[in-house]
Every structure is written in C-alpha cells, then in structure tokens.
Amino acid sequence: QYASDIQGLLLSYTEGQIRQLALDRSGGMQSVAVGVARPLSERFQISADITASQYDGTPASGGVSETPDSGTLTYAWLSLIGTSLIREGDISILGLRYSEGGSSESTAVFLDTRYPLTQNLRLNPKLLVSHREISAGEATELLVRPGLRVLYHMARHVQFEIEAGGEFGSHDNGGGATNDSSGYYLYMGYSADF
C-alpha cells in the first residue's frame, strides 16, 4: 500500500473497506502433526515426527496481488539419539529430514553431537547435507553445512560461546549450468543468567 499507517488509508478507503483489506491479507492455515519417541535401549532413543499443513490463498484487493493456495506441505523427521556413547554426558543425534510441497522436494541428513571435554568445556560439532529438487526447470541444489560450537562455563551463571561454520552449495538449473557458492560465519557471545 502507498500509505504507511491507517490514517493514510482512511484518506482513500472507508473503515469497512480497510477492515476487508486486512481480512483479504489474512489467509487461514490448517496443520496437523504427529510425533512419537521410543527408547531402543539404555543409550539409544528413536523419534519421528510428521507434519502436514496448508496455507489458504488470499484474493487480490487494494492494489495487492493475490497469493495462491500453498497446497499441502509435508515435513517428516526421523532421529536416532544416543547418549554417553564415548564419554558420560555426551549426546549424538543422527537425523533424516524430508519435506515436500509447493514446487520442491528436499531430503537432508544431519549429525549433531555435544561432547563434554571437561566439567566446564563442551564441544558441539555438527554437519548438515541437504539435497533439493525444484520442479520448475528440473533444477537441483546440494548444500553442505559444517559447523563447530564451543561452550565454556566461565562461572556458575556465565557462559561463553563461539561458533564457526560454513555453507557450500551447488545449484544446477536443469539446463547444464551449475552455480557453486560458499559462505562462512563466526559468532561469539556470552550469556549471564541472573
């Protein structure tokens, strides 16, 4: 809209028309989710979740284009969680994620581990590998995201954190042309609980 506030809209629309514009921009959503977790042994647990959702389309009005219905979007997660595998207190999560909907289908495998080196120092290496197929133009995308987070408890209520990682991608547009990309990040911070 050209106006930045309701008062500006009242110069061109009635209050009833503005209420209708707001309703037109407010699409509904339906969602259902089911999850289950079950221990396999003293050190292993498996969990699975499935979610299906749909976002309603919105009509064109007030100079704003319509938004199409999303169709059914499906997400599924399967995780194997292991505890105290190498050292007491460590956690390892191996997961598989699948999503389908709109114009793409995606599968990802991830590994997330939390390993205590000492009472105050904890390492958290992680890796995500994702493959996405995009219907339009039969394009595909491969992403690899490694990362390492280090947590250090400096005092009883103070924690220092540093995380570094990257993202390496390859996008094939379906016509034989491939674009490679890479990016890196470094994050540092601390938290204090009072």
N, C-alpha and C. Protein backbone atom coordinates (compact mmCIF):
# COMPACT_ATOMS: atom_id res chain seq x y z
N GLN A 1 0.84 -1.18 0.00
CA GLN A 1 0.00 0.00 0.00
C GLN A 1 0.89 1.24 0.00
N TYR A 2 0.36 2.31 -0.55
CA TYR A 2 1.09 3.56 -0.59
C TYR A 2 1.14 4.25 0.77
N ALA A 3 0.15 3.98 1.61
CA ALA A 3 0.07 4.63 2.92
C ALA A 3 0.90 3.86 3.94
N SER A 4 1.46 4.60 4.90
CA SER A 4 2.30 3.95 5.92
C SER A 4 1.54 3.67 7.21
N ASP A 5 0.30 4.15 7.32
CA ASP A 5 -0.47 3.89 8.53
C ASP A 5 -1.97 3.91 8.20
N ILE A 6 -2.78 3.57 9.18
CA ILE A 6 -4.24 3.51 8.98
C ILE A 6 -4.79 4.89 8.61
N GLN A 7 -4.27 5.94 9.25
CA GLN A 7 -4.76 7.29 8.96
C GLN A 7 -4.58 7.63 7.48
N GLY A 8 -3.47 7.19 6.90
CA GLY A 8 -3.23 7.43 5.48
C GLY A 8 -4.22 6.67 4.61
N LEU A 9 -4.55 5.44 5.01
CA LEU A 9 -5.52 4.65 4.26
C LEU A 9 -6.92 5.26 4.33
N LEU A 10 -7.25 5.90 5.48
CA LEU A 10 -8.58 6.50 5.64
C LEU A 10 -8.82 7.65 4.68
N LEU A 11 -7.76 8.16 4.05
CA LEU A 11 -7.93 9.21 3.05
C LEU A 11 -8.52 8.66 1.76
N SER A 12 -8.35 7.35 1.51
CA SER A 12 -8.84 6.74 0.27
C SER A 12 -9.89 5.67 0.48
N TYR A 13 -9.96 5.07 1.68
CA TYR A 13 -10.88 3.97 1.94
C TYR A 13 -11.72 4.27 3.17
N THR A 14 -12.89 3.64 3.22
CA THR A 14 -13.71 3.72 4.43
C THR A 14 -13.16 2.73 5.45
N GLU A 15 -13.61 2.85 6.69
CA GLU A 15 -13.16 1.92 7.72
C GLU A 15 -13.55 0.50 7.38
N GLY A 16 -14.76 0.31 6.84
CA GLY A 16 -15.20 -1.03 6.43
C GLY A 16 -14.33 -1.60 5.32
N GLN A 17 -13.92 -0.77 4.36
CA GLN A 17 -13.06 -1.24 3.28
C GLN A 17 -11.67 -1.62 3.81
N ILE A 18 -11.17 -0.86 4.78
CA ILE A 18 -9.86 -1.17 5.37
C ILE A 18 -9.92 -2.49 6.13
N ARG A 19 -11.01 -2.71 6.85
CA ARG A 19 -11.18 -3.99 7.55
C ARG A 19 -11.21 -5.15 6.55
N GLN A 20 -11.88 -4.95 5.42
CA GLN A 20 -11.93 -6.00 4.40
C GLN A 20 -10.55 -6.24 3.79
N LEU A 21 -9.76 -5.16 3.57
CA LEU A 21 -8.40 -5.33 3.06
C LEU A 21 -7.56 -6.16 4.03
N ALA A 22 -7.74 -5.90 5.33
CA ALA A 22 -7.00 -6.67 6.34
C ALA A 22 -7.40 -8.14 6.30
N LEU A 23 -8.70 -8.40 6.17
CA LEU A 23 -9.16 -9.79 6.07
C LEU A 23 -8.63 -10.46 4.81
N ASP A 24 -8.57 -9.70 3.72
CA ASP A 24 -8.05 -10.25 2.45
C ASP A 24 -6.58 -10.65 2.58
N ARG A 25 -5.82 -9.96 3.41
CA ARG A 25 -4.40 -10.28 3.57
C ARG A 25 -4.18 -11.37 4.61
N SER A 26 -5.22 -11.83 5.29
CA SER A 26 -5.10 -12.80 6.39
C SER A 26 -5.59 -14.17 5.95
N GLY A 27 -4.73 -14.92 5.31
CA GLY A 27 -5.09 -16.27 4.89
C GLY A 27 -5.10 -17.22 6.07
N GLY A 28 -5.94 -18.23 5.99
CA GLY A 28 -6.01 -19.24 7.04
C GLY A 28 -4.95 -20.31 6.86
N MET A 29 -4.75 -21.08 7.92
CA MET A 29 -3.79 -22.18 7.87
C MET A 29 -4.38 -23.38 8.60
N GLN A 30 -4.20 -24.55 8.01
CA GLN A 30 -4.60 -25.80 8.63
C GLN A 30 -3.34 -26.63 8.80
N SER A 31 -3.20 -27.26 9.96
CA SER A 31 -2.00 -28.03 10.22
C SER A 31 -2.32 -29.21 11.14
N VAL A 32 -1.67 -30.33 10.89
CA VAL A 32 -1.80 -31.50 11.76
C VAL A 32 -0.40 -32.08 11.95
N ALA A 33 -0.09 -32.48 13.18
CA ALA A 33 1.23 -33.02 13.48
C ALA A 33 1.10 -34.24 14.38
N VAL A 34 1.97 -35.21 14.14
CA VAL A 34 2.01 -36.42 14.95
C VAL A 34 3.47 -36.72 15.25
N GLY A 35 3.75 -37.08 16.49
CA GLY A 35 5.12 -37.39 16.86
C GLY A 35 5.16 -38.56 17.83
N VAL A 36 6.26 -39.27 17.78
CA VAL A 36 6.43 -40.41 18.68
C VAL A 36 7.92 -40.52 19.02
N ALA A 37 8.21 -40.89 20.26
CA ALA A 37 9.58 -41.14 20.69
C ALA A 37 9.58 -42.43 21.50
N ARG A 38 10.61 -43.22 21.28
CA ARG A 38 10.65 -44.52 21.96
C ARG A 38 12.09 -44.89 22.26
N PRO A 39 12.35 -45.32 23.50
CA PRO A 39 13.71 -45.80 23.81
C PRO A 39 13.96 -47.15 23.14
N LEU A 40 15.15 -47.29 22.57
CA LEU A 40 15.55 -48.57 21.97
C LEU A 40 16.40 -49.38 22.94
N SER A 41 17.15 -48.68 23.75
CA SER A 41 17.99 -49.32 24.77
C SER A 41 18.32 -48.26 25.81
N GLU A 42 19.23 -48.59 26.70
CA GLU A 42 19.60 -47.63 27.75
C GLU A 42 20.25 -46.38 27.17
N ARG A 43 20.93 -46.51 26.03
CA ARG A 43 21.66 -45.38 25.46
C ARG A 43 21.06 -44.81 24.18
N PHE A 44 20.09 -45.48 23.60
CA PHE A 44 19.54 -45.01 22.32
C PHE A 44 18.03 -44.79 22.39
N GLN A 45 17.60 -43.76 21.68
CA GLN A 45 16.18 -43.44 21.56
C GLN A 45 15.91 -43.06 20.11
N ILE A 46 14.75 -43.40 19.63
CA ILE A 46 14.37 -43.01 18.27
C ILE A 46 13.13 -42.12 18.37
N SER A 47 13.08 -41.12 17.52
CA SER A 47 11.90 -40.25 17.50
C SER A 47 11.53 -39.95 16.05
N ALA A 48 10.25 -39.77 15.82
CA ALA A 48 9.74 -39.48 14.48
C ALA A 48 8.62 -38.46 14.60
N ASP A 49 8.59 -37.55 13.68
CA ASP A 49 7.54 -36.52 13.62
C ASP A 49 7.11 -36.35 12.18
N ILE A 50 5.83 -36.13 11.99
CA ILE A 50 5.31 -35.83 10.67
C ILE A 50 4.32 -34.68 10.80
N THR A 51 4.42 -33.71 9.92
CA THR A 51 3.55 -32.54 9.93
C THR A 51 3.05 -32.28 8.52
N ALA A 52 1.76 -32.03 8.41
CA ALA A 52 1.17 -31.63 7.13
C ALA A 52 0.44 -30.32 7.37
N SER A 53 0.64 -29.37 6.48
CA SER A 53 -0.02 -28.07 6.64
C SER A 53 -0.41 -27.51 5.28
N GLN A 54 -1.31 -26.56 5.32
CA GLN A 54 -1.77 -25.90 4.11
C GLN A 54 -2.11 -24.46 4.45
N TYR A 55 -1.64 -23.54 3.61
CA TYR A 55 -1.94 -22.13 3.77
C TYR A 55 -2.92 -21.72 2.68
N ASP A 56 -4.02 -21.09 3.09
CA ASP A 56 -5.03 -20.66 2.13
C ASP A 56 -4.51 -19.49 1.30
N GLY A 57 -5.00 -19.41 0.09
CA GLY A 57 -4.66 -18.27 -0.76
C GLY A 57 -5.40 -17.03 -0.29
N THR A 58 -4.95 -15.88 -0.75
CA THR A 58 -5.62 -14.62 -0.45
C THR A 58 -5.99 -13.94 -1.76
N PRO A 59 -7.12 -13.23 -1.81
CA PRO A 59 -7.55 -12.59 -3.05
C PRO A 59 -6.78 -11.30 -3.33
N ALA A 60 -6.80 -10.89 -4.58
CA ALA A 60 -6.23 -9.59 -4.95
C ALA A 60 -7.21 -8.51 -4.49
N SER A 61 -6.69 -7.47 -3.85
CA SER A 61 -7.53 -6.35 -3.44
C SER A 61 -6.64 -5.18 -3.04
N GLY A 62 -7.16 -3.99 -3.20
CA GLY A 62 -6.44 -2.79 -2.78
C GLY A 62 -5.10 -2.61 -3.45
N GLY A 63 -4.92 -3.12 -4.66
CA GLY A 63 -3.65 -3.00 -5.36
C GLY A 63 -2.62 -4.04 -4.98
N VAL A 64 -3.01 -5.00 -4.16
CA VAL A 64 -2.10 -6.08 -3.76
C VAL A 64 -2.50 -7.34 -4.51
N SER A 65 -1.52 -8.00 -5.12
CA SER A 65 -1.79 -9.21 -5.91
C SER A 65 -2.27 -10.35 -5.03
N GLU A 66 -2.96 -11.29 -5.64
CA GLU A 66 -3.42 -12.46 -4.90
C GLU A 66 -2.24 -13.34 -4.51
N THR A 67 -2.45 -14.13 -3.49
CA THR A 67 -1.48 -15.14 -3.07
C THR A 67 -2.11 -16.50 -3.30
N PRO A 68 -1.47 -17.37 -4.06
CA PRO A 68 -2.09 -18.67 -4.32
C PRO A 68 -2.08 -19.58 -3.09
N ASP A 69 -2.98 -20.54 -3.08
CA ASP A 69 -3.01 -21.58 -2.05
C ASP A 69 -1.69 -22.34 -2.10
N SER A 70 -1.15 -22.69 -0.94
CA SER A 70 0.15 -23.36 -0.90
C SER A 70 0.10 -24.81 -1.34
N GLY A 71 -1.09 -25.42 -1.33
CA GLY A 71 -1.17 -26.86 -1.50
C GLY A 71 -0.71 -27.50 -0.19
N THR A 72 -0.66 -28.80 -0.15
CA THR A 72 -0.25 -29.49 1.08
C THR A 72 1.26 -29.51 1.19
N LEU A 73 1.77 -29.05 2.30
CA LEU A 73 3.19 -29.08 2.60
C LEU A 73 3.42 -30.17 3.64
N THR A 74 4.34 -31.08 3.37
CA THR A 74 4.58 -32.22 4.25
C THR A 74 6.03 -32.18 4.75
N TYR A 75 6.20 -32.37 6.04
CA TYR A 75 7.52 -32.43 6.66
C TYR A 75 7.60 -33.70 7.50
N ALA A 76 8.73 -34.39 7.41
CA ALA A 76 8.93 -35.60 8.22
C ALA A 76 10.35 -35.59 8.77
N TRP A 77 10.49 -35.95 10.05
CA TRP A 77 11.78 -36.03 10.72
C TRP A 77 11.92 -37.40 11.37
N LEU A 78 13.09 -37.98 11.26
CA LEU A 78 13.41 -39.23 11.93
C LEU A 78 14.76 -39.04 12.59
N SER A 79 14.85 -39.26 13.90
CA SER A 79 16.09 -39.02 14.63
C SER A 79 16.45 -40.22 15.48
N LEU A 80 17.74 -40.54 15.48
CA LEU A 80 18.30 -41.53 16.39
C LEU A 80 19.19 -40.77 17.36
N ILE A 81 18.90 -40.88 18.65
CA ILE A 81 19.60 -40.11 19.66
C ILE A 81 20.36 -41.08 20.56
N GLY A 82 21.65 -40.85 20.67
CA GLY A 82 22.49 -41.67 21.54
C GLY A 82 23.09 -40.83 22.65
N THR A 83 23.15 -41.37 23.85
CA THR A 83 23.73 -40.65 24.98
C THR A 83 24.86 -41.46 25.60
N SER A 84 25.86 -40.74 26.07
CA SER A 84 27.03 -41.34 26.75
C SER A 84 27.65 -42.45 25.91
N LEU A 85 27.90 -42.16 24.64
CA LEU A 85 28.47 -43.16 23.73
C LEU A 85 29.99 -43.22 23.85
N ILE A 86 30.64 -42.06 23.98
CA ILE A 86 32.09 -42.01 24.11
C ILE A 86 32.49 -41.64 25.52
N ARG A 87 31.73 -40.69 26.09
CA ARG A 87 32.03 -40.20 27.43
C ARG A 87 30.72 -39.90 28.13
N GLU A 88 30.68 -40.06 29.41
CA GLU A 88 29.47 -39.79 30.17
C GLU A 88 28.99 -38.36 29.92
N GLY A 89 27.73 -38.22 29.54
CA GLY A 89 27.16 -36.91 29.31
C GLY A 89 27.16 -36.45 27.87
N ASP A 90 27.78 -37.21 26.94
CA ASP A 90 27.74 -36.78 25.55
C ASP A 90 26.40 -37.15 24.91
N ILE A 91 26.04 -36.41 23.86
CA ILE A 91 24.80 -36.65 23.12
C ILE A 91 25.12 -36.60 21.64
N SER A 92 24.62 -37.57 20.89
CA SER A 92 24.77 -37.59 19.43
C SER A 92 23.40 -37.79 18.81
N ILE A 93 23.10 -36.98 17.81
CA ILE A 93 21.82 -37.06 17.11
C ILE A 93 22.10 -37.25 15.63
N LEU A 94 21.61 -38.33 15.08
CA LEU A 94 21.68 -38.60 13.65
C LEU A 94 20.25 -38.49 13.13
N GLY A 95 20.04 -37.62 12.17
CA GLY A 95 18.68 -37.37 11.74
C GLY A 95 18.51 -37.37 10.23
N LEU A 96 17.28 -37.63 9.83
CA LEU A 96 16.88 -37.59 8.43
C LEU A 96 15.64 -36.70 8.37
N ARG A 97 15.65 -35.74 7.45
CA ARG A 97 14.54 -34.82 7.30
C ARG A 97 14.07 -34.85 5.85
N TYR A 98 12.76 -34.88 5.66
CA TYR A 98 12.18 -34.89 4.31
C TYR A 98 11.07 -33.85 4.27
N SER A 99 11.01 -33.08 3.21
CA SER A 99 9.91 -32.14 3.03
C SER A 99 9.48 -32.12 1.57
N GLU A 100 8.19 -31.93 1.39
CA GLU A 100 7.64 -31.88 0.03
C GLU A 100 6.50 -30.88 0.04
N GLY A 101 6.44 -30.10 -1.01
CA GLY A 101 5.34 -29.16 -1.11
C GLY A 101 5.71 -28.00 -1.99
N GLY A 102 4.69 -27.29 -2.42
CA GLY A 102 4.94 -26.18 -3.31
C GLY A 102 5.59 -26.68 -4.58
N SER A 103 6.77 -26.24 -4.85
CA SER A 103 7.45 -26.63 -6.08
C SER A 103 8.76 -27.36 -5.81
N SER A 104 8.94 -27.90 -4.60
CA SER A 104 10.21 -28.56 -4.33
C SER A 104 10.05 -29.76 -3.41
N GLU A 105 11.07 -30.59 -3.44
CA GLU A 105 11.17 -31.77 -2.59
C GLU A 105 12.59 -31.78 -2.04
N SER A 106 12.73 -31.95 -0.73
CA SER A 106 14.04 -31.83 -0.10
C SER A 106 14.28 -32.99 0.85
N THR A 107 15.52 -33.49 0.85
CA THR A 107 15.95 -34.53 1.77
C THR A 107 17.25 -34.05 2.42
N ALA A 108 17.37 -34.24 3.71
CA ALA A 108 18.58 -33.82 4.41
C ALA A 108 18.97 -34.86 5.46
N VAL A 109 20.27 -34.99 5.65
CA VAL A 109 20.83 -35.83 6.70
C VAL A 109 21.65 -34.91 7.59
N PHE A 110 21.50 -35.05 8.91
CA PHE A 110 22.28 -34.19 9.79
C PHE A 110 22.84 -35.00 10.95
N LEU A 111 23.98 -34.53 11.43
CA LEU A 111 24.64 -35.10 12.60
C LEU A 111 24.94 -33.95 13.54
N ASP A 112 24.50 -34.06 14.77
CA ASP A 112 24.70 -33.02 15.77
C ASP A 112 25.20 -33.71 17.04
N THR A 113 26.41 -33.39 17.47
CA THR A 113 26.98 -34.04 18.65
C THR A 113 27.33 -32.99 19.70
N ARG A 114 27.20 -33.36 20.95
CA ARG A 114 27.58 -32.48 22.07
C ARG A 114 28.47 -33.30 22.98
N TYR A 115 29.72 -32.88 23.05
CA TYR A 115 30.73 -33.69 23.73
C TYR A 115 31.38 -32.88 24.86
N PRO A 116 31.24 -33.32 26.11
CA PRO A 116 31.88 -32.60 27.22
C PRO A 116 33.37 -32.97 27.33
N LEU A 117 34.25 -31.98 27.14
CA LEU A 117 35.68 -32.24 27.32
C LEU A 117 36.05 -32.20 28.80
N THR A 118 35.51 -31.20 29.49
CA THR A 118 35.70 -31.09 30.94
C THR A 118 34.35 -30.71 31.54
N GLN A 119 34.35 -30.46 32.84
CA GLN A 119 33.12 -30.04 33.51
C GLN A 119 32.59 -28.73 32.93
N ASN A 120 33.51 -27.84 32.48
CA ASN A 120 33.12 -26.50 32.02
C ASN A 120 33.21 -26.31 30.52
N LEU A 121 33.82 -27.23 29.78
CA LEU A 121 34.06 -27.05 28.35
C LEU A 121 33.34 -28.13 27.55
N ARG A 122 32.56 -27.69 26.57
CA ARG A 122 31.76 -28.62 25.77
C ARG A 122 31.92 -28.28 24.29
N LEU A 123 32.15 -29.31 23.46
CA LEU A 123 32.24 -29.15 22.01
C LEU A 123 30.94 -29.60 21.36
N ASN A 124 30.56 -28.92 20.28
CA ASN A 124 29.32 -29.25 19.57
C ASN A 124 29.57 -29.21 18.06
N PRO A 125 30.23 -30.26 17.50
CA PRO A 125 30.37 -30.32 16.05
C PRO A 125 29.05 -30.75 15.40
N LYS A 126 28.78 -30.23 14.20
CA LYS A 126 27.55 -30.60 13.50
C LYS A 126 27.77 -30.54 12.01
N LEU A 127 26.94 -31.29 11.30
CA LEU A 127 27.03 -31.36 9.85
C LEU A 127 25.65 -31.59 9.28
N LEU A 128 25.31 -30.83 8.24
CA LEU A 128 24.05 -30.99 7.53
C LEU A 128 24.36 -31.13 6.05
N VAL A 129 23.78 -32.14 5.41
CA VAL A 129 23.88 -32.31 3.96
C VAL A 129 22.45 -32.37 3.44
N SER A 130 22.13 -31.46 2.52
CA SER A 130 20.76 -31.32 2.03
C SER A 130 20.73 -31.36 0.52
N HIS A 131 19.74 -32.07 -0.03
CA HIS A 131 19.53 -32.14 -1.48
C HIS A 131 18.10 -31.74 -1.77
N ARG A 132 17.93 -30.77 -2.68
CA ARG A 132 16.59 -30.28 -3.01
C ARG A 132 16.38 -30.36 -4.51
N GLU A 133 15.21 -30.85 -4.89
CA GLU A 133 14.80 -30.88 -6.29
C GLU A 133 13.68 -29.87 -6.48
N ILE A 134 13.86 -28.99 -7.45
CA ILE A 134 12.90 -27.92 -7.71
C ILE A 134 12.19 -28.24 -9.01
N SER A 135 10.86 -28.31 -8.95
CA SER A 135 10.06 -28.72 -10.11
C SER A 135 10.27 -27.81 -11.31
N ALA A 136 10.25 -26.51 -11.09
CA ALA A 136 10.39 -25.56 -12.20
C ALA A 136 11.78 -25.70 -12.81
N GLY A 137 11.83 -26.13 -14.06
CA GLY A 137 13.10 -26.25 -14.76
C GLY A 137 13.93 -27.45 -14.36
N GLU A 138 13.39 -28.33 -13.53
CA GLU A 138 14.10 -29.52 -13.08
C GLU A 138 15.45 -29.19 -12.46
N ALA A 139 15.49 -28.14 -11.68
CA ALA A 139 16.73 -27.72 -11.02
C ALA A 139 16.97 -28.55 -9.77
N THR A 140 18.23 -28.66 -9.38
CA THR A 140 18.61 -29.36 -8.15
C THR A 140 19.59 -28.49 -7.38
N GLU A 141 19.62 -28.71 -6.08
CA GLU A 141 20.50 -27.93 -5.21
C GLU A 141 21.08 -28.85 -4.16
N LEU A 142 22.38 -28.78 -3.96
CA LEU A 142 23.07 -29.56 -2.93
C LEU A 142 23.75 -28.59 -1.98
N LEU A 143 23.48 -28.73 -0.68
CA LEU A 143 24.09 -27.87 0.33
C LEU A 143 24.80 -28.72 1.37
N VAL A 144 25.98 -28.29 1.79
CA VAL A 144 26.73 -28.92 2.86
C VAL A 144 27.04 -27.83 3.87
N ARG A 145 26.63 -28.04 5.14
CA ARG A 145 26.83 -27.03 6.19
C ARG A 145 27.55 -27.66 7.38
N PRO A 146 28.88 -27.55 7.45
CA PRO A 146 29.59 -28.00 8.66
C PRO A 146 29.66 -26.86 9.67
N GLY A 147 29.78 -27.21 10.93
CA GLY A 147 29.91 -26.18 11.96
C GLY A 147 30.49 -26.75 13.24
N LEU A 148 31.04 -25.88 14.05
CA LEU A 148 31.58 -26.27 15.35
C LEU A 148 31.27 -25.17 16.34
N ARG A 149 30.64 -25.55 17.45
CA ARG A 149 30.34 -24.61 18.53
C ARG A 149 31.09 -25.06 19.78
N VAL A 150 31.66 -24.10 20.48
CA VAL A 150 32.38 -24.37 21.72
C VAL A 150 31.68 -23.58 22.82
N LEU A 151 31.30 -24.27 23.89
CA LEU A 151 30.65 -23.64 25.04
C LEU A 151 31.56 -23.75 26.25
N TYR A 152 31.79 -22.64 26.92
CA TYR A 152 32.64 -22.64 28.11
C TYR A 152 31.90 -21.96 29.25
N HIS A 153 31.68 -22.69 30.34
CA HIS A 153 31.05 -22.13 31.53
C HIS A 153 32.13 -21.44 32.35
N MET A 154 32.13 -20.10 32.29
CA MET A 154 33.17 -19.32 32.97
C MET A 154 32.93 -19.25 34.48
N ALA A 155 31.68 -19.18 34.83
CA ALA A 155 31.28 -19.13 36.24
C ALA A 155 29.92 -19.81 36.33
N ARG A 156 29.37 -19.84 37.51
CA ARG A 156 28.14 -20.59 37.71
C ARG A 156 27.01 -20.15 36.78
N HIS A 157 26.88 -18.85 36.55
CA HIS A 157 25.78 -18.33 35.74
C HIS A 157 26.26 -17.61 34.47
N VAL A 158 27.52 -17.78 34.10
CA VAL A 158 28.06 -17.09 32.93
C VAL A 158 28.63 -18.12 31.97
N GLN A 159 28.23 -18.00 30.69
CA GLN A 159 28.67 -18.94 29.67
C GLN A 159 29.20 -18.17 28.46
N PHE A 160 30.35 -18.59 27.95
CA PHE A 160 30.94 -18.01 26.74
C PHE A 160 30.73 -19.00 25.61
N GLU A 161 30.41 -18.48 24.42
CA GLU A 161 30.12 -19.34 23.28
C GLU A 161 30.82 -18.80 22.03
N ILE A 162 31.39 -19.69 21.25
CA ILE A 162 31.95 -19.33 19.95
C ILE A 162 31.52 -20.40 18.97
N GLU A 163 31.09 -19.98 17.80
CA GLU A 163 30.65 -20.91 16.77
C GLU A 163 31.19 -20.47 15.42
N ALA A 164 31.67 -21.42 14.65
CA ALA A 164 32.19 -21.16 13.31
C ALA A 164 31.65 -22.23 12.39
N GLY A 165 31.46 -21.87 11.15
CA GLY A 165 30.96 -22.84 10.19
C GLY A 165 30.94 -22.27 8.79
N GLY A 166 30.37 -23.03 7.91
CA GLY A 166 30.30 -22.61 6.52
C GLY A 166 29.13 -23.25 5.81
N GLU A 167 28.89 -22.78 4.60
CA GLU A 167 27.86 -23.35 3.74
C GLU A 167 28.43 -23.43 2.34
N PHE A 168 28.40 -24.62 1.78
CA PHE A 168 28.93 -24.86 0.45
C PHE A 168 27.80 -25.42 -0.40
N GLY A 169 27.49 -24.75 -1.49
CA GLY A 169 26.34 -25.15 -2.29
C GLY A 169 26.68 -25.30 -3.75
N SER A 170 25.87 -26.12 -4.39
CA SER A 170 25.95 -26.31 -5.83
C SER A 170 24.53 -26.34 -6.37
N HIS A 171 24.24 -25.46 -7.32
CA HIS A 171 22.89 -25.33 -7.88
C HIS A 171 22.97 -25.62 -9.39
N ASP A 172 22.24 -26.64 -9.81
CA ASP A 172 22.15 -27.00 -11.22
C ASP A 172 20.78 -26.57 -11.70
N ASN A 173 20.74 -25.66 -12.67
CA ASN A 173 19.45 -25.12 -13.12
C ASN A 173 18.69 -26.05 -14.07
N GLY A 174 19.19 -27.23 -14.30
CA GLY A 174 18.50 -28.20 -15.15
C GLY A 174 18.88 -28.09 -16.60
N GLY A 175 19.54 -27.02 -16.97
CA GLY A 175 19.96 -26.84 -18.35
C GLY A 175 21.44 -27.10 -18.54
N GLY A 176 22.08 -27.67 -17.56
CA GLY A 176 23.51 -27.96 -17.66
C GLY A 176 24.39 -26.93 -16.99
N ALA A 177 23.85 -25.77 -16.66
CA ALA A 177 24.66 -24.74 -15.99
C ALA A 177 24.63 -24.96 -14.48
N THR A 178 25.80 -24.90 -13.87
CA THR A 178 25.92 -25.12 -12.43
C THR A 178 26.54 -23.88 -11.78
N ASN A 179 25.95 -23.45 -10.68
CA ASN A 179 26.49 -22.33 -9.91
C ASN A 179 26.93 -22.87 -8.55
N ASP A 180 28.18 -22.61 -8.20
CA ASP A 180 28.69 -23.01 -6.89
C ASP A 180 28.77 -21.78 -5.99
N SER A 181 28.50 -21.98 -4.72
CA SER A 181 28.57 -20.87 -3.78
C SER A 181 29.17 -21.36 -2.47
N SER A 182 29.73 -20.42 -1.73
CA SER A 182 30.26 -20.77 -0.41
C SER A 182 30.17 -19.55 0.50
N GLY A 183 30.03 -19.82 1.76
CA GLY A 183 29.97 -18.75 2.74
C GLY A 183 30.46 -19.26 4.07
N TYR A 184 30.93 -18.35 4.91
CA TYR A 184 31.48 -18.71 6.21
C TYR A 184 30.92 -17.78 7.27
N TYR A 185 30.88 -18.25 8.51
CA TYR A 185 30.43 -17.38 9.58
C TYR A 185 31.22 -17.66 10.85
N LEU A 186 31.30 -16.66 11.71
CA LEU A 186 31.92 -16.78 13.02
C LEU A 186 31.06 -15.98 13.98
N TYR A 187 30.68 -16.61 15.07
CA TYR A 187 29.82 -15.99 16.06
C TYR A 187 30.45 -16.16 17.43
N MET A 188 30.47 -15.07 18.19
CA MET A 188 30.97 -15.14 19.56
C MET A 188 30.01 -14.38 20.47
N GLY A 189 29.84 -14.87 21.67
CA GLY A 189 28.96 -14.18 22.61
C GLY A 189 29.03 -14.81 23.98
N TYR A 190 28.36 -14.19 24.90
CA TYR A 190 28.27 -14.75 26.24
C TYR A 190 26.87 -14.52 26.78
N SER A 191 26.49 -15.33 27.71
CA SER A 191 25.21 -15.16 28.37
C SER A 191 25.40 -15.22 29.87
N ALA A 192 24.62 -14.41 30.56
CA ALA A 192 24.67 -14.38 32.02
C ALA A 192 23.26 -14.53 32.54
N ASP A 193 23.04 -15.52 33.38
CA ASP A 193 21.72 -15.76 33.98
C ASP A 193 21.68 -15.16 35.38
N PHE A 194 20.66 -14.35 35.63
CA PHE A 194 20.52 -13.71 36.95
C PHE A 194 19.34 -14.31 37.68
